[in-house]
C-alpha atoms as a PDB file:
ATOM      1  CA  MET A   1      59.098-129.523 -30.108  1.00  0.00           C
ATOM      2  CA  ALA A   2      59.909-131.269 -26.816  1.00  0.00           C
ATOM      3  CA  LEU A   3      63.219-133.209 -26.729  1.00  0.00           C
ATOM      4  CA  ASN A   4      61.496-136.516 -25.826  1.00  0.00           C
ATOM      5  CA  ALA A   5      59.076-136.065 -28.730  1.00  0.00           C
ATOM      6  CA  LEU A   6      62.002-135.549 -31.111  1.00  0.00           C
ATOM      7  CA  VAL A   7      63.775-138.616 -29.743  1.00  0.00           C
ATOM      8  CA  VAL A   8      60.593-140.714 -30.128  1.00  0.00           C
ATOM      9  CA  ILE A   9      60.078-139.508 -33.714  1.00  0.00           C
ATOM     10  CA  SER A  10      63.716-140.279 -34.553  1.00  0.00           C
ATOM     11  CA  ALA A  11      63.268-143.801 -33.006  1.00  0.00           C
ATOM     12  CA  GLY A  12      60.165-144.299 -35.121  1.00  0.00           C
ATOM     13  CA  LEU A  13      61.981-143.252 -38.299  1.00  0.00           C
ATOM     14  CA  CYS A  14      64.861-145.613 -37.505  1.00  0.00           C
ATOM     15  CA  GLY A  15      62.437-148.439 -36.853  1.00  0.00           C
ATOM     16  CA  LEU A  16      60.614-147.761 -40.100  1.00  0.00           C
ATOM     17  CA  LEU A  17      63.860-147.620 -42.117  1.00  0.00           C
ATOM     18  CA  SER A  18      65.017-150.835 -40.448  1.00  0.00           C
ATOM     19  CA  PHE A  19      61.795-152.508 -41.520  1.00  0.00           C
ATOM     20  CA  ILE A  20      62.156-151.290 -45.111  1.00  0.00           C
ATOM     21  CA  LEU A  21      65.704-152.357 -45.400  1.00  0.00           C
ATOM     22  CA  LEU A  22      65.025-155.781 -44.025  1.00  0.00           C
ATOM     23  CA  ALA A  23      61.951-156.314 -46.342  1.00  0.00           C
ATOM     24  CA  LEU A  24      64.071-155.207 -49.402  1.00  0.00           C
ATOM     25  CA  SER A  25      66.833-157.503 -48.238  1.00  0.00           C
ATOM     26  CA  ILE A  26      64.505-160.560 -47.941  1.00  0.00           C
ATOM     27  CA  GLY A  27      62.758-159.721 -51.224  1.00  0.00           C
ATOM     28  CA  THR A  28      65.904-159.199 -53.331  1.00  0.00           C
ATOM     29  CA  GLU A  29      68.245-161.899 -54.712  1.00  0.00           C
ATOM     30  CA  TYR A  30      71.805-160.442 -54.140  1.00  0.00           C
ATOM     31  CA  TRP A  31      72.815-162.122 -50.955  1.00  0.00           C
ATOM     32  CA  TYR A  32      75.702-164.065 -52.517  1.00  0.00           C
ATOM     33  CA  ILE A  33      77.312-163.353 -55.819  1.00  0.00           C
ATOM     34  CA  ILE A  34      79.525-165.745 -57.910  1.00  0.00           C
ATOM     35  CA  ASP A  35      81.371-164.085 -60.758  1.00  0.00           C
ATOM     36  CA  VAL A  36      83.012-166.565 -63.204  1.00  0.00           C
ATOM     37  CA  ASP A  37      85.575-165.417 -65.783  1.00  0.00           C
ATOM     38  CA  GLU A  38      84.191-167.676 -68.523  1.00  0.00           C
ATOM     39  CA  GLY A  39      86.732-166.503 -71.069  1.00  0.00           C
ATOM     40  CA  LYS A  40      89.605-167.866 -68.965  1.00  0.00           C
ATOM     41  CA  ASN A  41      87.744-170.777 -67.684  1.00  0.00           C
ATOM     42  CA  SER A  42      85.534-171.932 -70.504  1.00  0.00           C
ATOM     43  CA  SER A  43      85.729-175.613 -69.380  1.00  0.00           C
ATOM     44  CA  LEU A  44      84.197-174.832 -66.009  1.00  0.00           C
ATOM     45  CA  GLU A  45      80.651-176.244 -65.575  1.00  0.00           C
ATOM     46  CA  TYR A  46      79.474-173.244 -63.546  1.00  0.00           C
ATOM     47  CA  SER A  47      78.520-169.760 -64.741  1.00  0.00           C
ATOM     48  CA  SER A  48      78.118-166.492 -63.058  1.00  0.00           C
ATOM     49  CA  SER A  49      75.178-166.356 -60.730  1.00  0.00           C
ATOM     50  CA  HIS A  50      73.707-164.425 -57.813  1.00  0.00           C
ATOM     51  CA  SER A  51      71.454-165.919 -55.100  1.00  0.00           C
ATOM     52  CA  GLY A  52      68.949-164.874 -52.427  1.00  0.00           C
ATOM     53  CA  LEU A  53      67.085-166.572 -49.660  1.00  0.00           C
ATOM     54  CA  TRP A  54      64.633-168.145 -52.056  1.00  0.00           C
ATOM     55  CA  ARG A  55      66.509-169.078 -55.209  1.00  0.00           C
ATOM     56  CA  ILE A  56      69.620-168.967 -57.374  1.00  0.00           C
ATOM     57  CA  TYR A  57      69.712-167.153 -60.682  1.00  0.00           C
ATOM     58  CA  GLU A  58      71.655-168.851 -63.487  1.00  0.00           C
ATOM     59  CA  GLY A  59      74.678-171.011 -62.667  1.00  0.00           C
ATOM     60  CA  LYS A  60      74.551-174.733 -62.053  1.00  0.00           C
ATOM     61  CA  MET A  61      72.811-176.221 -59.022  1.00  0.00           C
ATOM     62  CA  VAL A  62      74.511-179.173 -57.337  1.00  0.00           C
ATOM     63  CA  ASN A  63      71.993-181.703 -56.107  1.00  0.00           C
ATOM     64  CA  THR A  64      73.224-184.245 -53.615  1.00  0.00           C
ATOM     65  CA  ASP A  65      71.787-186.091 -50.660  1.00  0.00           C
ATOM     66  CA  ASN A  66      74.947-186.506 -48.641  1.00  0.00           C
ATOM     67  CA  LEU A  67      74.919-185.524 -45.037  1.00  0.00           C
ATOM     68  CA  SER A  68      76.870-182.223 -45.547  1.00  0.00           C
ATOM     69  CA  PHE A  69      74.256-180.981 -48.010  1.00  0.00           C
ATOM     70  CA  LEU A  70      71.428-182.128 -45.987  1.00  0.00           C
ATOM     71  CA  TYR A  71      72.869-180.097 -43.048  1.00  0.00           C
ATOM     72  CA  LEU A  72      73.205-177.018 -45.380  1.00  0.00           C
ATOM     73  CA  LYS A  73      69.486-177.486 -46.475  1.00  0.00           C
ATOM     74  CA  TYR A  74      68.529-177.494 -42.813  1.00  0.00           C
ATOM     75  CA  LEU A  75      70.520-174.312 -42.181  1.00  0.00           C
ATOM     76  CA  HIS A  76      68.857-172.725 -45.182  1.00  0.00           C
ATOM     77  CA  ARG A  77      65.379-173.545 -43.785  1.00  0.00           C
ATOM     78  CA  VAL A  78      66.357-171.856 -40.480  1.00  0.00           C
ATOM     79  CA  ILE A  79      67.393-168.768 -42.280  1.00  0.00           C
ATOM     80  CA  VAL A  80      64.179-168.430 -44.277  1.00  0.00           C
ATOM     81  CA  VAL A  81      62.212-168.690 -41.076  1.00  0.00           C
ATOM     82  CA  LEU A  82      64.267-166.445 -38.929  1.00  0.00           C
ATOM     83  CA  LEU A  83      64.505-163.355 -41.208  1.00  0.00           C
ATOM     84  CA  PRO A  84      60.737-163.158 -42.116  1.00  0.00           C
ATOM     85  CA  LEU A  85      60.051-163.719 -38.382  1.00  0.00           C
ATOM     86  CA  SER A  86      62.284-160.760 -37.606  1.00  0.00           C
ATOM     87  CA  LEU A  87      60.214-158.593 -40.054  1.00  0.00           C
ATOM     88  CA  VAL A  88      57.027-159.582 -38.228  1.00  0.00           C
ATOM     89  CA  LEU A  89      58.669-158.820 -34.844  1.00  0.00           C
ATOM     90  CA  LEU A  90      59.703-155.313 -36.137  1.00  0.00           C
ATOM     91  CA  VAL A  91      56.058-154.633 -37.044  1.00  0.00           C
ATOM     92  CA  PHE A  92      54.801-155.573 -33.554  1.00  0.00           C
ATOM     93  CA  GLY A  93      57.678-153.628 -31.986  1.00  0.00           C
ATOM     94  CA  GLY A  94      56.680-150.558 -34.051  1.00  0.00           C
ATOM     95  CA  ILE A  95      53.011-150.826 -33.047  1.00  0.00           C
ATOM     96  CA  PHE A  96      53.736-151.257 -29.330  1.00  0.00           C
ATOM     97  CA  GLY A  97      56.385-148.454 -29.515  1.00  0.00           C
ATOM     98  CA  LEU A  98      53.768-146.108 -31.050  1.00  0.00           C
ATOM     99  CA  VAL A  99      51.298-146.972 -28.302  1.00  0.00           C
ATOM    100  CA  ALA A 100      53.877-146.414 -25.602  1.00  0.00           C
ATOM    101  CA  SER A 101      54.948-143.047 -26.983  1.00  0.00           C
ATOM    102  CA  LEU A 102      51.376-141.835 -27.269  1.00  0.00           C
ATOM    103  CA  ALA A 103      50.654-143.009 -23.685  1.00  0.00           C
ATOM    104  CA  GLN A 104      53.903-141.375 -22.495  1.00  0.00           C
ATOM    105  CA  SER A 105      54.487-144.500 -20.482  1.00  0.00           C
ATOM    106  CA  CYS A 106      58.024-144.750 -19.161  1.00  0.00           C
ATOM    107  CA  THR A 107      57.671-148.396 -18.245  1.00  0.00           C
ATOM    108  CA  LEU A 108      56.210-149.460 -21.576  1.00  0.00           C
ATOM    109  CA  LEU A 109      58.864-147.501 -23.511  1.00  0.00           C
ATOM    110  CA  THR A 110      61.563-149.213 -21.507  1.00  0.00           C
ATOM    111  CA  CYS A 111      60.120-152.632 -22.210  1.00  0.00           C
ATOM    112  CA  ILE A 112      59.819-151.861 -26.008  1.00  0.00           C
ATOM    113  CA  ALA A 113      63.446-150.480 -25.926  1.00  0.00           C
ATOM    114  CA  ALA A 114      64.618-153.669 -24.248  1.00  0.00           C
ATOM    115  CA  TYR A 115      62.710-155.695 -26.854  1.00  0.00           C
ATOM    116  CA  PHE A 116      64.606-153.906 -29.688  1.00  0.00           C
ATOM    117  CA  LEU A 117      67.888-154.259 -27.978  1.00  0.00           C
ATOM    118  CA  ILE A 118      67.720-157.941 -27.048  1.00  0.00           C
ATOM    119  CA  CYS A 119      65.629-159.184 -30.015  1.00  0.00           C
ATOM    120  CA  LEU A 120      68.523-160.760 -32.037  1.00  0.00           C
ATOM    121  CA  VAL A 121      66.532-162.538 -34.574  1.00  0.00           C
ATOM    122  CA  THR A 122      67.906-160.479 -37.538  1.00  0.00           C
ATOM    123  CA  VAL A 123      71.541-160.785 -36.538  1.00  0.00           C
ATOM    124  CA  SER A 124      70.987-164.486 -35.839  1.00  0.00           C
ATOM    125  CA  GLY A 125      69.564-165.045 -39.381  1.00  0.00           C
ATOM    126  CA  VAL A 126      72.413-163.092 -40.973  1.00  0.00           C
ATOM    127  CA  SER A 127      75.098-164.907 -38.953  1.00  0.00           C
ATOM    128  CA  ILE A 128      73.610-168.288 -39.877  1.00  0.00           C
ATOM    129  CA  TYR A 129      73.518-167.216 -43.540  1.00  0.00           C
ATOM    130  CA  ILE A 130      77.127-166.250 -43.493  1.00  0.00           C
ATOM    131  CA  SER A 131      78.042-169.595 -41.814  1.00  0.00           C
ATOM    132  CA  TYR A 132      75.848-171.420 -44.343  1.00  0.00           C
ATOM    133  CA  SER A 133      77.596-169.674 -47.275  1.00  0.00           C
ATOM    134  CA  GLN A 134      81.093-170.509 -45.932  1.00  0.00           C
ATOM    135  CA  GLN A 135      80.191-174.165 -45.444  1.00  0.00           C
ATOM    136  CA  ALA A 136      78.614-174.311 -48.962  1.00  0.00           C
ATOM    137  CA  LEU A 137      81.871-172.918 -50.391  1.00  0.00           C
ATOM    138  CA  GLU A 138      83.864-175.507 -48.482  1.00  0.00           C
ATOM    139  CA  GLU A 139      81.653-178.270 -49.904  1.00  0.00           C
ATOM    140  CA  LEU A 140      82.136-176.883 -53.449  1.00  0.00           C
ATOM    141  CA  GLN A 141      85.854-176.829 -52.959  1.00  0.00           C
ATOM    142  CA  HIS A 142      85.804-180.528 -51.989  1.00  0.00           C
ATOM    143  CA  MET A 143      83.819-181.373 -55.190  1.00  0.00           C
ATOM    144  CA  VAL A 144      85.688-179.165 -57.618  1.00  0.00           C
ATOM    145  CA  ASP A 145      89.423-178.895 -58.357  1.00  0.00           C
ATOM    146  CA  ILE A 146      90.788-175.800 -56.599  1.00  0.00           C
ATOM    147  CA  GLU A 147      92.567-174.760 -59.749  1.00  0.00           C
ATOM    148  CA  SER A 148      89.198-174.742 -61.537  1.00  0.00           C
ATOM    149  CA  LEU A 149      87.987-172.159 -59.038  1.00  0.00           C
ATOM    150  CA  SER A 150      90.979-169.763 -59.580  1.00  0.00           C
ATOM    151  CA  HIS A 151      88.811-167.659 -61.931  1.00  0.00           C
ATOM    152  CA  VAL A 152      85.706-167.757 -59.760  1.00  0.00           C
ATOM    153  CA  HIS A 153      85.125-164.791 -57.595  1.00  0.00           C
ATOM    154  CA  MET A 154      82.665-165.151 -54.702  1.00  0.00           C
ATOM    155  CA  SER A 155      81.373-162.361 -52.448  1.00  0.00           C
ATOM    156  CA  PHE A 156      78.449-161.335 -50.341  1.00  0.00           C
ATOM    157  CA  GLY A 157      76.009-158.909 -52.092  1.00  0.00           C
ATOM    158  CA  TRP A 158      74.197-155.788 -51.210  1.00  0.00           C
ATOM    159  CA  SER A 159      71.112-157.612 -49.973  1.00  0.00           C
ATOM    160  CA  LEU A 160      73.167-158.982 -47.079  1.00  0.00           C
ATOM    161  CA  VAL A 161      74.523-155.441 -46.475  1.00  0.00           C
ATOM    162  CA  MET A 162      70.900-154.168 -46.132  1.00  0.00           C
ATOM    163  CA  ALA A 163      70.068-156.840 -43.603  1.00  0.00           C
ATOM    164  CA  CYS A 164      73.108-155.804 -41.524  1.00  0.00           C
ATOM    165  CA  LEU A 165      72.117-152.109 -41.704  1.00  0.00           C
ATOM    166  CA  SER A 166      68.571-153.070 -40.691  1.00  0.00           C
ATOM    167  CA  PHE A 167      70.012-154.803 -37.513  1.00  0.00           C
ATOM    168  CA  CYS A 168      72.129-151.699 -36.761  1.00  0.00           C
ATOM    169  CA  LEU A 169      68.976-149.516 -37.050  1.00  0.00           C
ATOM    170  CA  GLU A 170      67.099-151.927 -34.706  1.00  0.00           C
ATOM    171  CA  LEU A 171      69.790-151.359 -32.164  1.00  0.00           C
ATOM    172  CA  LEU A 172      69.590-147.578 -32.678  1.00  0.00           C
ATOM    173  CA  THR A 173      65.793-147.698 -32.278  1.00  0.00           C
ATOM    174  CA  GLY A 174      66.157-149.423 -29.039  1.00  0.00           C
ATOM    175  CA  ILE A 175      68.703-146.950 -27.718  1.00  0.00           C
ATOM    176  CA  LEU A 176      66.522-143.963 -28.750  1.00  0.00           C
ATOM    177  CA  LEU A 177      63.505-145.481 -27.038  1.00  0.00           C
ATOM    178  CA  MET A 178      65.480-146.050 -23.837  1.00  0.00           C
ATOM    179  CA  LEU A 179      66.524-142.389 -24.043  1.00  0.00           C
ATOM    180  CA  ALA A 180      62.915-141.316 -24.536  1.00  0.00           C
ATOM    181  CA  ALA A 181      61.860-143.352 -21.539  1.00  0.00           C
ATOM    182  CA  HIS A 182      64.615-141.712 -19.462  1.00  0.00           C
ATOM    183  CA  LEU A 183      63.476-138.224 -20.553  1.00  0.00           C
ATOM    184  CA  ILE A 184      59.845-139.003 -19.781  1.00  0.00           C
ATOM    185  CA  HIS A 185      60.876-140.213 -16.376  1.00  0.00           C
ATOM    186  CA  ARG A 186      62.841-137.054 -15.708  1.00  0.00           C
ATOM    187  CA  GLN A 187      59.957-134.911 -16.758  1.00  0.00           C
ATOM    188  CA  SER A 188      57.620-136.856 -14.472  1.00  0.00           C
ATOM    189  CA  LEU A 189      59.947-136.312 -11.517  1.00  0.00           C
ATOM    190  CA  SER A 190      60.201-132.608 -12.359  1.00  0.00           C
ATOM    191  CA  ARG A 191      56.430-132.299 -12.436  1.00  0.00           C
ATOM    192  CA  ASN A 192      56.004-134.098  -9.158  1.00  0.00           C
ATOM    193  CA  GLU A 193      58.649-131.837  -7.520  1.00  0.00           C
ATOM    194  CA  PHE A 194      56.858-128.720  -8.838  1.00  0.00           C
ATOM    195  CA  VAL A 195      53.547-129.938  -7.415  1.00  0.00           C
ATOM    196  CA  LEU A 196      55.130-130.594  -4.055  1.00  0.00           C
ATOM    197  CA  HIS A 197      56.626-127.066  -3.986  1.00  0.00           C
ATOM    198  CA  GLN A 198      53.253-125.618  -4.887  1.00  0.00           C
ATOM    199  CA  ILE A 199      51.552-127.337  -1.938  1.00  0.00           C
END
């Protein structure tokens, strides 16, 4: 198998895995985990919960219309638009990448590689989610006595980890496609030199 074909196949597999991880990440509900030691803190109004982009499982929701929470709601809306949009962009990137590889087009492969490398929608969504979570925690700390939260453990979950891995694979896909474009360009130059020597 030619080296450039192997690189293109590797890029395709990385792109496919990136899509699968992001789809699973968006569809699962373990972006943020709150673990409450209810035995030690039975008076606390909150219970253990885990949340995703779409809903929170268990626990007690705090409903308020103050400006801070309205801003958090706005951030959440941005997140639930950006990450599904990133999934759609991955699909289009994969389609155009397949066309470019079948056409053996150096220019098109370079464009698709650049698309994967500079398309920062996934990492933007993840970054905003992390910021959103930190600000939500700060709001909770203002509303609840700090001592009451001493037995509450909060952490990011495996859904967020999958989104981060998806972004890393997007970058790797772009790098591999750029390498494939370089190899195709070199092969084209070699063929042209060979033809010139034959004349």
